[in-house]
């Protein structure tokens, strides 16, 4: 994970915790989807004003939705179609390892392909 600038220790992988994985998944989305935290968490207030009575109440929620949508799309692209909120909220070692392996494999093939 170091090659992608994602900090996740072996210990954190062996005993995955939602907070640790959230940060790792956020870093993966930023690196592999070419976006930033700021872009995801800066809502389009013009649209929000048309939808919500008090859009400022939903700023963080909208950012979280954007992040989760990008993460789920990334996982689908990497060959993890069954990735869900449970993988983030109640992570299990075996599934987390499988998910991250597929992401790393995808990232490696992208890097190799772009080198050509």
PDB file of N, CA and C in Angstrom:
ATOM      1  N   UNK A   1       0.816  -1.186   0.000  1.00  0.00           N
ATOM      2  CA  UNK A   1       0.000   0.000   0.000  1.00  0.00           C
ATOM      3  C   UNK A   1       0.866   1.259   0.000  1.00  0.00           C
ATOM      4  N   UNK A   2       2.120   1.093   0.387  1.00  0.00           N
ATOM      5  CA  UNK A   2       3.012   2.256   0.420  1.00  0.00           C
ATOM      6  C   UNK A   2       3.195   2.870  -0.959  1.00  0.00           C
ATOM      7  N   UNK A   3       3.228   2.014  -1.989  1.00  0.00           N
ATOM      8  CA  UNK A   3       3.441   2.536  -3.338  1.00  0.00           C
ATOM      9  C   UNK A   3       2.300   3.445  -3.790  1.00  0.00           C
ATOM     10  N   UNK A   4       1.143   3.351  -3.139  1.00  0.00           N
ATOM     11  CA  UNK A   4       0.011   4.220  -3.460  1.00  0.00           C
ATOM     12  C   UNK A   4      -0.149   5.353  -2.446  1.00  0.00           C
ATOM     13  N   UNK A   5       0.815   5.508  -1.546  1.00  0.00           N
ATOM     14  CA  UNK A   5       0.750   6.519  -0.486  1.00  0.00           C
ATOM     15  C   UNK A   5      -0.464   6.323   0.424  1.00  0.00           C
ATOM     16  N   UNK A   6      -0.763   5.054   0.699  1.00  0.00           N
ATOM     17  CA  UNK A   6      -1.862   4.712   1.597  1.00  0.00           C
ATOM     18  C   UNK A   6      -1.261   4.042   2.816  1.00  0.00           C
ATOM     19  N   UNK A   7      -1.498   4.630   3.967  1.00  0.00           N
ATOM     20  CA  UNK A   7      -0.927   4.078   5.193  1.00  0.00           C
ATOM     21  C   UNK A   7      -1.887   3.057   5.807  1.00  0.00           C
ATOM     22  N   UNK A   8      -1.433   1.807   5.823  1.00  0.00           N
ATOM     23  CA  UNK A   8      -2.184   0.741   6.455  1.00  0.00           C
ATOM     24  C   UNK A   8      -1.173  -0.296   6.907  1.00  0.00           C
ATOM     25  N   UNK A   9      -1.009  -0.415   8.193  1.00  0.00           N
ATOM     26  CA  UNK A   9      -0.018  -1.331   8.737  1.00  0.00           C
ATOM     27  C   UNK A   9      -0.539  -2.768   8.680  1.00  0.00           C
ATOM     28  N   UNK A  10       0.392  -3.693   8.815  1.00  0.00           N
ATOM     29  CA  UNK A  10       0.014  -5.107   8.844  1.00  0.00           C
ATOM     30  C   UNK A  10      -0.914  -5.371  10.024  1.00  0.00           C
ATOM     31  N   UNK A  11      -0.623  -4.761  11.149  1.00  0.00           N
ATOM     32  CA  UNK A  11      -1.466  -4.927  12.337  1.00  0.00           C
ATOM     33  C   UNK A  11      -2.877  -4.406  12.085  1.00  0.00           C
ATOM     34  N   UNK A  12      -2.985  -3.278  11.413  1.00  0.00           N
ATOM     35  CA  UNK A  12      -4.299  -2.711  11.107  1.00  0.00           C
ATOM     36  C   UNK A  12      -5.074  -3.596  10.146  1.00  0.00           C
ATOM     37  N   UNK A  13      -4.375  -4.288   9.289  1.00  0.00           N
ATOM     38  CA  UNK A  13      -5.030  -5.216   8.357  1.00  0.00           C
ATOM     39  C   UNK A  13      -5.468  -6.485   9.073  1.00  0.00           C
ATOM     40  N   UNK A  14      -4.641  -6.968   9.987  1.00  0.00           N
ATOM     41  CA  UNK A  14      -4.982  -8.193  10.716  1.00  0.00           C
ATOM     42  C   UNK A  14      -6.202  -7.994  11.611  1.00  0.00           C
ATOM     43  N   UNK A  15      -6.333  -6.806  12.179  1.00  0.00           N
ATOM     44  CA  UNK A  15      -7.487  -6.484  13.025  1.00  0.00           C
ATOM     45  C   UNK A  15      -8.108  -5.199  12.494  1.00  0.00           C
ATOM     46  N   UNK A  16      -8.825  -5.297  11.372  1.00  0.00           N
ATOM     47  CA  UNK A  16      -9.345  -4.082  10.739  1.00  0.00           C
ATOM     48  C   UNK A  16     -10.358  -3.353  11.624  1.00  0.00           C
ATOM     49  N   UNK A  17     -10.223  -2.039  11.646  1.00  0.00           N
ATOM     50  CA  UNK A  17     -11.109  -1.169  12.415  1.00  0.00           C
ATOM     51  C   UNK A  17     -11.759  -0.182  11.434  1.00  0.00           C
ATOM     52  N   UNK A  18     -13.028   0.122  11.618  1.00  0.00           N
ATOM     53  CA  UNK A  18     -13.713   1.024  10.682  1.00  0.00           C
ATOM     54  C   UNK A  18     -12.998   2.361  10.449  1.00  0.00           C
ATOM     55  N   UNK A  19     -12.478   2.976  11.501  1.00  0.00           N
ATOM     56  CA  UNK A  19     -11.815   4.278  11.336  1.00  0.00           C
ATOM     57  C   UNK A  19     -10.551   4.170  10.492  1.00  0.00           C
ATOM     58  N   UNK A  20      -9.776   3.133  10.744  1.00  0.00           N
ATOM     59  CA  UNK A  20      -8.537   2.921   9.991  1.00  0.00           C
ATOM     60  C   UNK A  20      -8.842   2.650   8.523  1.00  0.00           C
ATOM     61  N   UNK A  21      -9.828   1.797   8.282  1.00  0.00           N
ATOM     62  CA  UNK A  21     -10.180   1.474   6.897  1.00  0.00           C
ATOM     63  C   UNK A  21     -10.796   2.669   6.181  1.00  0.00           C
ATOM     64  N   UNK A  22     -11.555   3.475   6.894  1.00  0.00           N
ATOM     65  CA  UNK A  22     -12.135   4.661   6.275  1.00  0.00           C
ATOM     66  C   UNK A  22     -11.027   5.543   5.700  1.00  0.00           C
ATOM     67  N   UNK A  23      -9.995   5.772   6.489  1.00  0.00           N
ATOM     68  CA  UNK A  23      -8.879   6.600   6.013  1.00  0.00           C
ATOM     69  C   UNK A  23      -8.171   5.943   4.830  1.00  0.00           C
ATOM     70  N   UNK A  24      -7.967   4.623   4.911  1.00  0.00           N
ATOM     71  CA  UNK A  24      -7.290   3.916   3.818  1.00  0.00           C
ATOM     72  C   UNK A  24      -8.138   3.957   2.551  1.00  0.00           C
ATOM     73  N   UNK A  25      -9.435   3.717   2.684  1.00  0.00           N
ATOM     74  CA  UNK A  25     -10.312   3.753   1.510  1.00  0.00           C
ATOM     75  C   UNK A  25     -10.388   5.172   0.936  1.00  0.00           C
ATOM     76  N   UNK A  26     -10.392   6.165   1.797  1.00  0.00           N
ATOM     77  CA  UNK A  26     -10.407   7.553   1.331  1.00  0.00           C
ATOM     78  C   UNK A  26      -9.153   7.832   0.502  1.00  0.00           C
ATOM     79  N   UNK A  27      -8.007   7.403   1.012  1.00  0.00           N
ATOM     80  CA  UNK A  27      -6.750   7.603   0.276  1.00  0.00           C
ATOM     81  C   UNK A  27      -6.783   6.870  -1.061  1.00  0.00           C
ATOM     82  N   UNK A  28      -7.306   5.649  -1.073  1.00  0.00           N
ATOM     83  CA  UNK A  28      -7.389   4.884  -2.326  1.00  0.00           C
ATOM     84  C   UNK A  28      -8.288   5.575  -3.340  1.00  0.00           C
ATOM     85  N   UNK A  29      -9.418   6.070  -2.897  1.00  0.00           N
ATOM     86  CA  UNK A  29     -10.324   6.781  -3.809  1.00  0.00           C
ATOM     87  C   UNK A  29      -9.627   8.013  -4.372  1.00  0.00           C
ATOM     88  N   UNK A  30      -8.940   8.760  -3.527  1.00  0.00           N
ATOM     89  CA  UNK A  30      -8.252   9.965  -3.995  1.00  0.00           C
ATOM     90  C   UNK A  30      -7.180   9.627  -5.027  1.00  0.00           C
ATOM     91  N   UNK A  31      -6.377   8.605  -4.745  1.00  0.00           N
ATOM     92  CA  UNK A  31      -5.274   8.242  -5.638  1.00  0.00           C
ATOM     93  C   UNK A  31      -5.784   7.620  -6.937  1.00  0.00           C
ATOM     94  N   UNK A  32      -6.682   6.659  -6.828  1.00  0.00           N
ATOM     95  CA  UNK A  32      -7.090   5.898  -8.008  1.00  0.00           C
ATOM     96  C   UNK A  32      -8.208   6.547  -8.823  1.00  0.00           C
ATOM     97  N   UNK A  33      -8.962   7.446  -8.212  1.00  0.00           N
ATOM     98  CA  UNK A  33     -10.040   8.116  -8.944  1.00  0.00           C
ATOM     99  C   UNK A  33      -9.655   9.533  -9.353  1.00  0.00           C
ATOM    100  N   UNK A  34      -8.463   9.965  -8.946  1.00  0.00           N
ATOM    101  CA  UNK A  34      -7.990  11.284  -9.348  1.00  0.00           C
ATOM    102  C   UNK A  34      -8.802  12.423  -8.772  1.00  0.00           C
ATOM    103  N   UNK A  35      -9.196  12.292  -7.540  1.00  0.00           N
ATOM    104  CA  UNK A  35      -9.974  13.341  -6.880  1.00  0.00           C
ATOM    105  C   UNK A  35      -9.310  13.683  -5.549  1.00  0.00           C
ATOM    106  N   UNK A  36      -9.877  14.621  -4.846  1.00  0.00           N
ATOM    107  CA  UNK A  36      -9.339  14.996  -3.537  1.00  0.00           C
ATOM    108  C   UNK A  36     -10.469  15.000  -2.516  1.00  0.00           C
ATOM    109  N   UNK A  37     -10.073  14.980  -1.264  1.00  0.00           N
ATOM    110  CA  UNK A  37     -11.077  15.056  -0.192  1.00  0.00           C
ATOM    111  C   UNK A  37     -11.889  16.336  -0.331  1.00  0.00           C
ATOM    112  N   UNK A  38     -11.203  17.426  -0.630  1.00  0.00           N
ATOM    113  CA  UNK A  38     -11.881  18.719  -0.742  1.00  0.00           C
ATOM    114  C   UNK A  38     -12.937  18.687  -1.845  1.00  0.00           C
ATOM    115  N   UNK A  39     -12.598  18.081  -2.984  1.00  0.00           N
ATOM    116  CA  UNK A  39     -13.569  18.001  -4.080  1.00  0.00           C
ATOM    117  C   UNK A  39     -14.799  17.207  -3.669  1.00  0.00           C
ATOM    118  N   UNK A  40     -14.570  16.092  -2.971  1.00  0.00           N
ATOM    119  CA  UNK A  40     -15.699  15.250  -2.575  1.00  0.00           C
ATOM    120  C   UNK A  40     -16.553  15.913  -1.506  1.00  0.00           C
ATOM    121  N   UNK A  41     -15.921  16.659  -0.603  1.00  0.00           N
ATOM    122  CA  UNK A  41     -16.644  17.221   0.520  1.00  0.00           C
ATOM    123  C   UNK A  41     -17.052  18.678   0.325  1.00  0.00           C
ATOM    124  N   UNK A  42     -16.940  19.175  -0.896  1.00  0.00           N
ATOM    125  CA  UNK A  42     -17.439  20.506  -1.212  1.00  0.00           C
ATOM    126  C   UNK A  42     -18.691  20.325  -2.064  1.00  0.00           C
ATOM    127  N   UNK A  43     -19.848  20.384  -1.434  1.00  0.00           N
ATOM    128  CA  UNK A  43     -21.077  20.126  -2.183  1.00  0.00           C
ATOM    129  C   UNK A  43     -21.434  21.277  -3.118  1.00  0.00           C
ATOM    130  N   UNK A  44     -22.171  20.954  -4.134  1.00  0.00           N
ATOM    131  CA  UNK A  44     -22.699  21.956  -5.038  1.00  0.00           C
ATOM    132  C   UNK A  44     -23.912  22.585  -4.350  1.00  0.00           C
ATOM    133  N   UNK A  45     -23.700  23.735  -3.727  1.00  0.00           N
ATOM    134  CA  UNK A  45     -24.762  24.345  -2.927  1.00  0.00           C
ATOM    135  C   UNK A  45     -25.935  24.836  -3.764  1.00  0.00           C
ATOM    136  N   UNK A  46     -25.697  25.162  -5.022  1.00  0.00           N
ATOM    137  CA  UNK A  46     -26.799  25.588  -5.888  1.00  0.00           C
ATOM    138  C   UNK A  46     -27.807  24.454  -6.038  1.00  0.00           C
ATOM    139  N   UNK A  47     -27.309  23.255  -6.260  1.00  0.00           N
ATOM    140  CA  UNK A  47     -28.191  22.093  -6.395  1.00  0.00           C
ATOM    141  C   UNK A  47     -28.832  21.784  -5.049  1.00  0.00           C
ATOM    142  N   UNK A  48     -28.045  21.810  -3.987  1.00  0.00           N
ATOM    143  CA  UNK A  48     -28.568  21.504  -2.655  1.00  0.00           C
ATOM    144  C   UNK A  48     -29.670  22.475  -2.248  1.00  0.00           C
ATOM    145  N   UNK A  49     -29.547  23.737  -2.632  1.00  0.00           N
ATOM    146  CA  UNK A  49     -30.564  24.727  -2.288  1.00  0.00           C
ATOM    147  C   UNK A  49     -31.887  24.432  -2.975  1.00  0.00           C
ATOM    148  N   UNK A  50     -31.817  23.839  -4.164  1.00  0.00           N
ATOM    149  CA  UNK A  50     -33.051  23.489  -4.870  1.00  0.00           C
ATOM    150  C   UNK A  50     -33.715  22.255  -4.269  1.00  0.00           C
ATOM    151  N   UNK A  51     -32.927  21.403  -3.625  1.00  0.00           N
ATOM    152  CA  UNK A  51     -33.449  20.149  -3.111  1.00  0.00           C
ATOM    153  C   UNK A  51     -33.838  20.243  -1.634  1.00  0.00           C
ATOM    154  N   UNK A  52     -33.026  20.934  -0.849  1.00  0.00           N
ATOM    155  CA  UNK A  52     -33.226  20.983   0.596  1.00  0.00           C
ATOM    156  C   UNK A  52     -33.625  22.381   1.051  1.00  0.00           C
ATOM    157  N   UNK A  53     -34.428  22.422   2.116  1.00  0.00           N
ATOM    158  CA  UNK A  53     -34.790  23.711   2.713  1.00  0.00           C
ATOM    159  C   UNK A  53     -33.593  24.348   3.407  1.00  0.00           C
ATOM    160  N   UNK A  54     -32.775  23.538   4.067  1.00  0.00           N
ATOM    161  CA  UNK A  54     -31.594  24.027   4.784  1.00  0.00           C
ATOM    162  C   UNK A  54     -30.366  23.246   4.320  1.00  0.00           C
ATOM    163  N   UNK A  55     -29.837  23.577   3.155  1.00  0.00           N
ATOM    164  CA  UNK A  55     -28.742  22.781   2.568  1.00  0.00           C
ATOM    165  C   UNK A  55     -27.486  22.716   3.423  1.00  0.00           C
ATOM    166  N   UNK A  56     -27.242  23.737   4.250  1.00  0.00           N
ATOM    167  CA  UNK A  56     -26.037  23.728   5.077  1.00  0.00           C
ATOM    168  C   UNK A  56     -26.055  22.575   6.087  1.00  0.00           C
ATOM    169  N   UNK A  57     -27.239  22.073   6.413  1.00  0.00           N
ATOM    170  CA  UNK A  57     -27.343  20.933   7.333  1.00  0.00           C
ATOM    171  C   UNK A  57     -26.834  19.640   6.699  1.00  0.00           C
ATOM    172  N   UNK A  58     -26.791  19.610   5.391  1.00  0.00           N
ATOM    173  CA  UNK A  58     -26.460  18.382   4.677  1.00  0.00           C
ATOM    174  C   UNK A  58     -25.076  18.387   4.040  1.00  0.00           C
ATOM    175  N   UNK A  59     -24.294  19.426   4.268  1.00  0.00           N
ATOM    176  CA  UNK A  59     -22.987  19.544   3.610  1.00  0.00           C
ATOM    177  C   UNK A  59     -22.115  18.317   3.837  1.00  0.00           C
ATOM    178  N   UNK A  60     -21.965  17.901   5.085  1.00  0.00           N
ATOM    179  CA  UNK A  60     -21.111  16.745   5.378  1.00  0.00           C
ATOM    180  C   UNK A  60     -21.725  15.455   4.843  1.00  0.00           C
ATOM    181  N   UNK A  61     -23.040  15.327   4.960  1.00  0.00           N
ATOM    182  CA  UNK A  61     -23.713  14.125   4.473  1.00  0.00           C
ATOM    183  C   UNK A  61     -23.544  13.984   2.962  1.00  0.00           C
ATOM    184  N   UNK A  62     -23.638  15.089   2.249  1.00  0.00           N
ATOM    185  CA  UNK A  62     -23.466  15.050   0.788  1.00  0.00           C
ATOM    186  C   UNK A  62     -22.042  14.603   0.453  1.00  0.00           C
ATOM    187  N   UNK A  63     -21.059  15.120   1.175  1.00  0.00           N
ATOM    188  CA  UNK A  63     -19.676  14.694   0.957  1.00  0.00           C
ATOM    189  C   UNK A  63     -19.489  13.216   1.209  1.00  0.00           C
ATOM    190  N   UNK A  64     -20.110  12.716   2.282  1.00  0.00           N
ATOM    191  CA  UNK A  64     -20.020  11.280   2.568  1.00  0.00           C
ATOM    192  C   UNK A  64     -20.659  10.450   1.460  1.00  0.00           C
ATOM    193  N   UNK A  65     -21.775  10.912   0.947  1.00  0.00           N
ATOM    194  CA  UNK A  65     -22.425  10.192  -0.148  1.00  0.00           C
ATOM    195  C   UNK A  65     -21.546  10.161  -1.398  1.00  0.00           C
ATOM    196  N   UNK A  66     -20.920  11.273  -1.701  1.00  0.00           N
ATOM    197  CA  UNK A  66     -20.021  11.329  -2.853  1.00  0.00           C
ATOM    198  C   UNK A  66     -18.862  10.351  -2.658  1.00  0.00           C
ATOM    199  N   UNK A  67     -18.252  10.359  -1.475  1.00  0.00           N
ATOM    200  CA  UNK A  67     -17.149   9.445  -1.186  1.00  0.00           C
ATOM    201  C   UNK A  67     -17.589   7.996  -1.328  1.00  0.00           C
ATOM    202  N   UNK A  68     -18.717   7.640  -0.719  1.00  0.00           N
ATOM    203  CA  UNK A  68     -19.173   6.250  -0.773  1.00  0.00           C
ATOM    204  C   UNK A  68     -19.515   5.831  -2.203  1.00  0.00           C
ATOM    205  N   UNK A  69     -20.107   6.710  -2.964  1.00  0.00           N
ATOM    206  CA  UNK A  69     -20.425   6.376  -4.353  1.00  0.00           C
ATOM    207  C   UNK A  69     -19.141   6.095  -5.134  1.00  0.00           C
ATOM    208  N   UNK A  70     -18.140   6.952  -4.959  1.00  0.00           N
ATOM    209  CA  UNK A  70     -16.868   6.739  -5.660  1.00  0.00           C
ATOM    210  C   UNK A  70     -16.190   5.459  -5.191  1.00  0.00           C
ATOM    211  N   UNK A  71     -16.252   5.180  -3.906  1.00  0.00           N
ATOM    212  CA  UNK A  71     -15.653   3.954  -3.376  1.00  0.00           C
ATOM    213  C   UNK A  71     -16.346   2.725  -3.938  1.00  0.00           C
ATOM    214  N   UNK A  72     -17.669   2.708  -3.959  1.00  0.00           N
ATOM    215  CA  UNK A  72     -18.399   1.557  -4.488  1.00  0.00           C
ATOM    216  C   UNK A  72     -18.120   1.374  -5.980  1.00  0.00           C
ATOM    217  N   UNK A  73     -18.033   2.468  -6.725  1.00  0.00           N
ATOM    218  CA  UNK A  73     -17.692   2.378  -8.149  1.00  0.00           C
ATOM    219  C   UNK A  73     -16.283   1.828  -8.331  1.00  0.00           C
ATOM    220  N   UNK A  74     -15.349   2.285  -7.507  1.00  0.00           N
ATOM    221  CA  UNK A  74     -13.976   1.788  -7.569  1.00  0.00           C
ATOM    222  C   UNK A  74     -13.939   0.294  -7.289  1.00  0.00           C
ATOM    223  N   UNK A  75     -14.624  -0.137  -6.253  1.00  0.00           N
ATOM    224  CA  UNK A  75     -14.636  -1.563  -5.908  1.00  0.00           C
ATOM    225  C   UNK A  75     -15.249  -2.398  -7.031  1.00  0.00           C
ATOM    226  N   UNK A  76     -16.293  -1.911  -7.621  1.00  0.00           N
ATOM    227  CA  UNK A  76     -16.915  -2.617  -8.757  1.00  0.00           C
ATOM    228  C   UNK A  76     -15.913  -2.745  -9.902  1.00  0.00           C
ATOM    229  N   UNK A  77     -15.223  -1.667 -10.209  1.00  0.00           N
ATOM    230  CA  UNK A  77     -14.218  -1.665 -11.272  1.00  0.00           C
ATOM    231  C   UNK A  77     -13.082  -2.637 -10.974  1.00  0.00           C
ATOM    232  N   UNK A  78     -12.739  -2.763  -9.702  1.00  0.00           N
ATOM    233  CA  UNK A  78     -11.631  -3.638  -9.290  1.00  0.00           C
ATOM    234  C   UNK A  78     -12.042  -5.098  -9.146  1.00  0.00           C
ATOM    235  N   UNK A  79     -13.308  -5.398  -9.381  1.00  0.00           N
ATOM    236  CA  UNK A  79     -13.757  -6.780  -9.288  1.00  0.00           C
ATOM    237  C   UNK A  79     -14.277  -7.171  -7.924  1.00  0.00           C
ATOM    238  N   UNK A  80     -14.812  -6.203  -7.193  1.00  0.00           N
ATOM    239  CA  UNK A  80     -15.405  -6.489  -5.883  1.00  0.00           C
ATOM    240  C   UNK A  80     -16.869  -6.018  -5.927  1.00  0.00           C
ATOM    241  N   UNK A  81     -17.732  -6.763  -6.638  1.00  0.00           N
ATOM    242  CA  UNK A  81     -19.116  -6.311  -6.799  1.00  0.00           C
ATOM    243  C   UNK A  81     -19.960  -6.415  -5.531  1.00  0.00           C
ATOM    244  N   UNK A  82     -19.490  -7.193  -4.551  1.00  0.00           N
ATOM    245  CA  UNK A  82     -20.274  -7.381  -3.331  1.00  0.00           C
ATOM    246  C   UNK A  82     -19.802  -6.495  -2.176  1.00  0.00           C
ATOM    247  N   UNK A  83     -18.994  -5.494  -2.466  1.00  0.00           N
ATOM    248  CA  UNK A  83     -18.535  -4.562  -1.433  1.00  0.00           C
ATOM    249  C   UNK A  83     -19.732  -3.781  -0.913  1.00  0.00           C
ATOM    250  N   UNK A  84     -19.827  -3.631   0.402  1.00  0.00           N
ATOM    251  CA  UNK A  84     -20.953  -2.914   0.982  1.00  0.00           C
ATOM    252  C   UNK A  84     -20.563  -2.174   2.241  1.00  0.00           C
ATOM    253  N   UNK A  85     -21.535  -1.529   2.841  1.00  0.00           N
ATOM    254  CA  UNK A  85     -21.285  -0.775   4.066  1.00  0.00           C
ATOM    255  C   UNK A  85     -20.769  -1.670   5.184  1.00  0.00           C
ATOM    256  N   UNK A  86     -21.180  -2.922   5.200  1.00  0.00           N
ATOM    257  CA  UNK A  86     -20.692  -3.847   6.222  1.00  0.00           C
ATOM    258  C   UNK A  86     -19.167  -3.967   6.158  1.00  0.00           C
ATOM    259  N   UNK A  87     -18.599  -3.909   4.963  1.00  0.00           N
ATOM    260  CA  UNK A  87     -17.144  -3.990   4.811  1.00  0.00           C
ATOM    261  C   UNK A  87     -16.450  -2.788   5.452  1.00  0.00           C
ATOM    262  N   UNK A  88     -17.170  -1.707   5.612  1.00  0.00           N
ATOM    263  CA  UNK A  88     -16.596  -0.521   6.240  1.00  0.00           C
ATOM    264  C   UNK A  88     -16.946  -0.431   7.717  1.00  0.00           C
ATOM    265  N   UNK A  89     -18.157  -0.827   8.077  1.00  0.00           N
ATOM    266  CA  UNK A  89     -18.620  -0.658   9.448  1.00  0.00           C
ATOM    267  C   UNK A  89     -18.254  -1.828  10.367  1.00  0.00           C
ATOM    268  N   UNK A  90     -18.225  -3.035   9.825  1.00  0.00           N
ATOM    269  CA  UNK A  90     -17.876  -4.234  10.599  1.00  0.00           C
ATOM    270  C   UNK A  90     -16.905  -5.064   9.775  1.00  0.00           C
ATOM    271  N   UNK A  91     -15.723  -4.529   9.539  1.00  0.00           N
ATOM    272  CA  UNK A  91     -14.784  -5.216   8.647  1.00  0.00           C
ATOM    273  C   UNK A  91     -14.273  -6.535   9.229  1.00  0.00           C
ATOM    274  N   UNK A  92     -14.099  -7.498   8.343  1.00  0.00           N
ATOM    275  CA  UNK A  92     -13.529  -8.797   8.695  1.00  0.00           C
ATOM    276  C   UNK A  92     -12.216  -8.932   7.947  1.00  0.00           C
ATOM    277  N   UNK A  93     -11.268  -9.572   8.594  1.00  0.00           N
ATOM    278  CA  UNK A  93      -9.931  -9.693   8.023  1.00  0.00           C
ATOM    279  C   UNK A  93      -9.964 -10.301   6.616  1.00  0.00           C
ATOM    280  N   UNK A  94     -10.628 -11.425   6.452  1.00  0.00           N
ATOM    281  CA  UNK A  94     -10.595 -12.142   5.171  1.00  0.00           C
ATOM    282  C   UNK A  94     -11.170 -11.291   4.036  1.00  0.00           C
ATOM    283  N   UNK A  95     -12.303 -10.660   4.270  1.00  0.00           N
ATOM    284  CA  UNK A  95     -12.909  -9.830   3.216  1.00  0.00           C
ATOM    285  C   UNK A  95     -12.081  -8.581   2.946  1.00  0.00           C
ATOM    286  N   UNK A  96     -11.575  -7.967   4.005  1.00  0.00           N
ATOM    287  CA  UNK A  96     -10.752  -6.768   3.833  1.00  0.00           C
ATOM    288  C   UNK A  96      -9.515  -7.101   3.025  1.00  0.00           C
ATOM    289  N   UNK A  97      -8.878  -8.192   3.345  1.00  0.00           N
ATOM    290  CA  UNK A  97      -7.682  -8.627   2.616  1.00  0.00           C
ATOM    291  C   UNK A  97      -8.013  -8.885   1.142  1.00  0.00           C
ATOM    292  N   UNK A  98      -9.102  -9.601   0.900  1.00  0.00           N
ATOM    293  CA  UNK A  98      -9.509  -9.879  -0.480  1.00  0.00           C
ATOM    294  C   UNK A  98      -9.792  -8.587  -1.235  1.00  0.00           C
ATOM    295  N   UNK A  99     -10.536  -7.670  -0.609  1.00  0.00           N
ATOM    296  CA  UNK A  99     -10.887  -6.410  -1.262  1.00  0.00           C
ATOM    297  C   UNK A  99      -9.643  -5.592  -1.606  1.00  0.00           C
ATOM    298  N   UNK A 100      -8.735  -5.485  -0.647  1.00  0.00           N
ATOM    299  CA  UNK A 100      -7.527  -4.690  -0.880  1.00  0.00           C
ATOM    300  C   UNK A 100      -6.614  -5.349  -1.908  1.00  0.00           C
ATOM    301  N   UNK A 101      -6.561  -6.666  -1.923  1.00  0.00           N
ATOM    302  CA  UNK A 101      -5.762  -7.359  -2.949  1.00  0.00           C
ATOM    303  C   UNK A 101      -6.267  -7.023  -4.349  1.00  0.00           C
ATOM    304  N   UNK A 102      -7.576  -7.029  -4.495  1.00  0.00           N
ATOM    305  CA  UNK A 102      -8.148  -6.722  -5.819  1.00  0.00           C
ATOM    306  C   UNK A 102      -7.892  -5.277  -6.212  1.00  0.00           C
ATOM    307  N   UNK A 103      -7.979  -4.381  -5.254  1.00  0.00           N
ATOM    308  CA  UNK A 103      -7.696  -2.970  -5.549  1.00  0.00           C
ATOM    309  C   UNK A 103      -6.233  -2.808  -5.945  1.00  0.00           C
ATOM    310  N   UNK A 104      -5.336  -3.434  -5.195  1.00  0.00           N
ATOM    311  CA  UNK A 104      -3.906  -3.341  -5.513  1.00  0.00           C
ATOM    312  C   UNK A 104      -3.594  -3.973  -6.861  1.00  0.00           C
ATOM    313  N   UNK A 105      -4.230  -5.077  -7.161  1.00  0.00           N
ATOM    314  CA  UNK A 105      -4.038  -5.722  -8.460  1.00  0.00           C
ATOM    315  C   UNK A 105      -4.492  -4.798  -9.587  1.00  0.00           C
ATOM    316  N   UNK A 106      -5.644  -4.175  -9.386  1.00  0.00           N
ATOM    317  CA  UNK A 106      -6.171  -3.236 -10.379  1.00  0.00           C
ATOM    318  C   UNK A 106      -5.237  -2.034 -10.530  1.00  0.00           C
ATOM    319  N   UNK A 107      -4.774  -1.516  -9.406  1.00  0.00           N
ATOM    320  CA  UNK A 107      -3.870  -0.358  -9.448  1.00  0.00           C
ATOM    321  C   UNK A 107      -2.580  -0.726 -10.159  1.00  0.00           C
ATOM    322  N   UNK A 108      -2.062  -1.916  -9.919  1.00  0.00           N
ATOM    323  CA  UNK A 108      -0.841  -2.372 -10.583  1.00  0.00           C
ATOM    324  C   UNK A 108      -1.020  -2.518 -12.076  1.00  0.00           C
ATOM    325  N   UNK A 109      -2.162  -3.052 -12.483  1.00  0.00           N
ATOM    326  CA  UNK A 109      -2.402  -3.216 -13.921  1.00  0.00           C
ATOM    327  C   UNK A 109      -2.612  -1.869 -14.587  1.00  0.00           C
ATOM    328  N   UNK A 110      -3.206  -0.918 -13.874  1.00  0.00           N
ATOM    329  CA  UNK A 110      -3.367   0.440 -14.425  1.00  0.00           C
ATOM    330  C   UNK A 110      -2.027   1.100 -14.640  1.00  0.00           C
ATOM    331  N   UNK A 111      -1.134   0.939 -13.652  1.00  0.00           N
ATOM    332  CA  UNK A 111       0.189   1.544 -13.735  1.00  0.00           C
ATOM    333  C   UNK A 111       0.977   0.928 -14.885  1.00  0.00           C
ATOM    334  N   UNK A 112       0.904  -0.382 -14.997  1.00  0.00           N
ATOM    335  CA  UNK A 112       1.596  -1.083 -16.082  1.00  0.00           C
ATOM    336  C   UNK A 112       1.064  -0.651 -17.431  1.00  0.00           C
ATOM    337  N   UNK A 113      -0.256  -0.557 -17.553  1.00  0.00           N
ATOM    338  CA  UNK A 113      -0.868  -0.168 -18.826  1.00  0.00           C
ATOM    339  C   UNK A 113      -0.507   1.265 -19.197  1.00  0.00           C
ATOM    340  N   UNK A 114      -0.455   2.153 -18.204  1.00  0.00           N
ATOM    341  CA  UNK A 114      -0.149   3.551 -18.521  1.00  0.00           C
ATOM    342  C   UNK A 114       1.324   3.732 -18.875  1.00  0.00           C
ATOM    343  N   UNK A 115       2.178   2.795 -18.455  1.00  0.00           N
ATOM    344  CA  UNK A 115       3.587   2.891 -18.798  1.00  0.00           C
ATOM    345  C   UNK A 115       3.811   2.603 -20.276  1.00  0.00           C
ATOM    346  N   UNK A 116       2.911   1.893 -20.882  1.00  0.00           N
ATOM    347  CA  UNK A 116       3.031   1.586 -22.313  1.00  0.00           C
ATOM    348  C   UNK A 116       2.575   2.770 -23.091  1.00  0.00           C
TER     349      UNK A 116
END
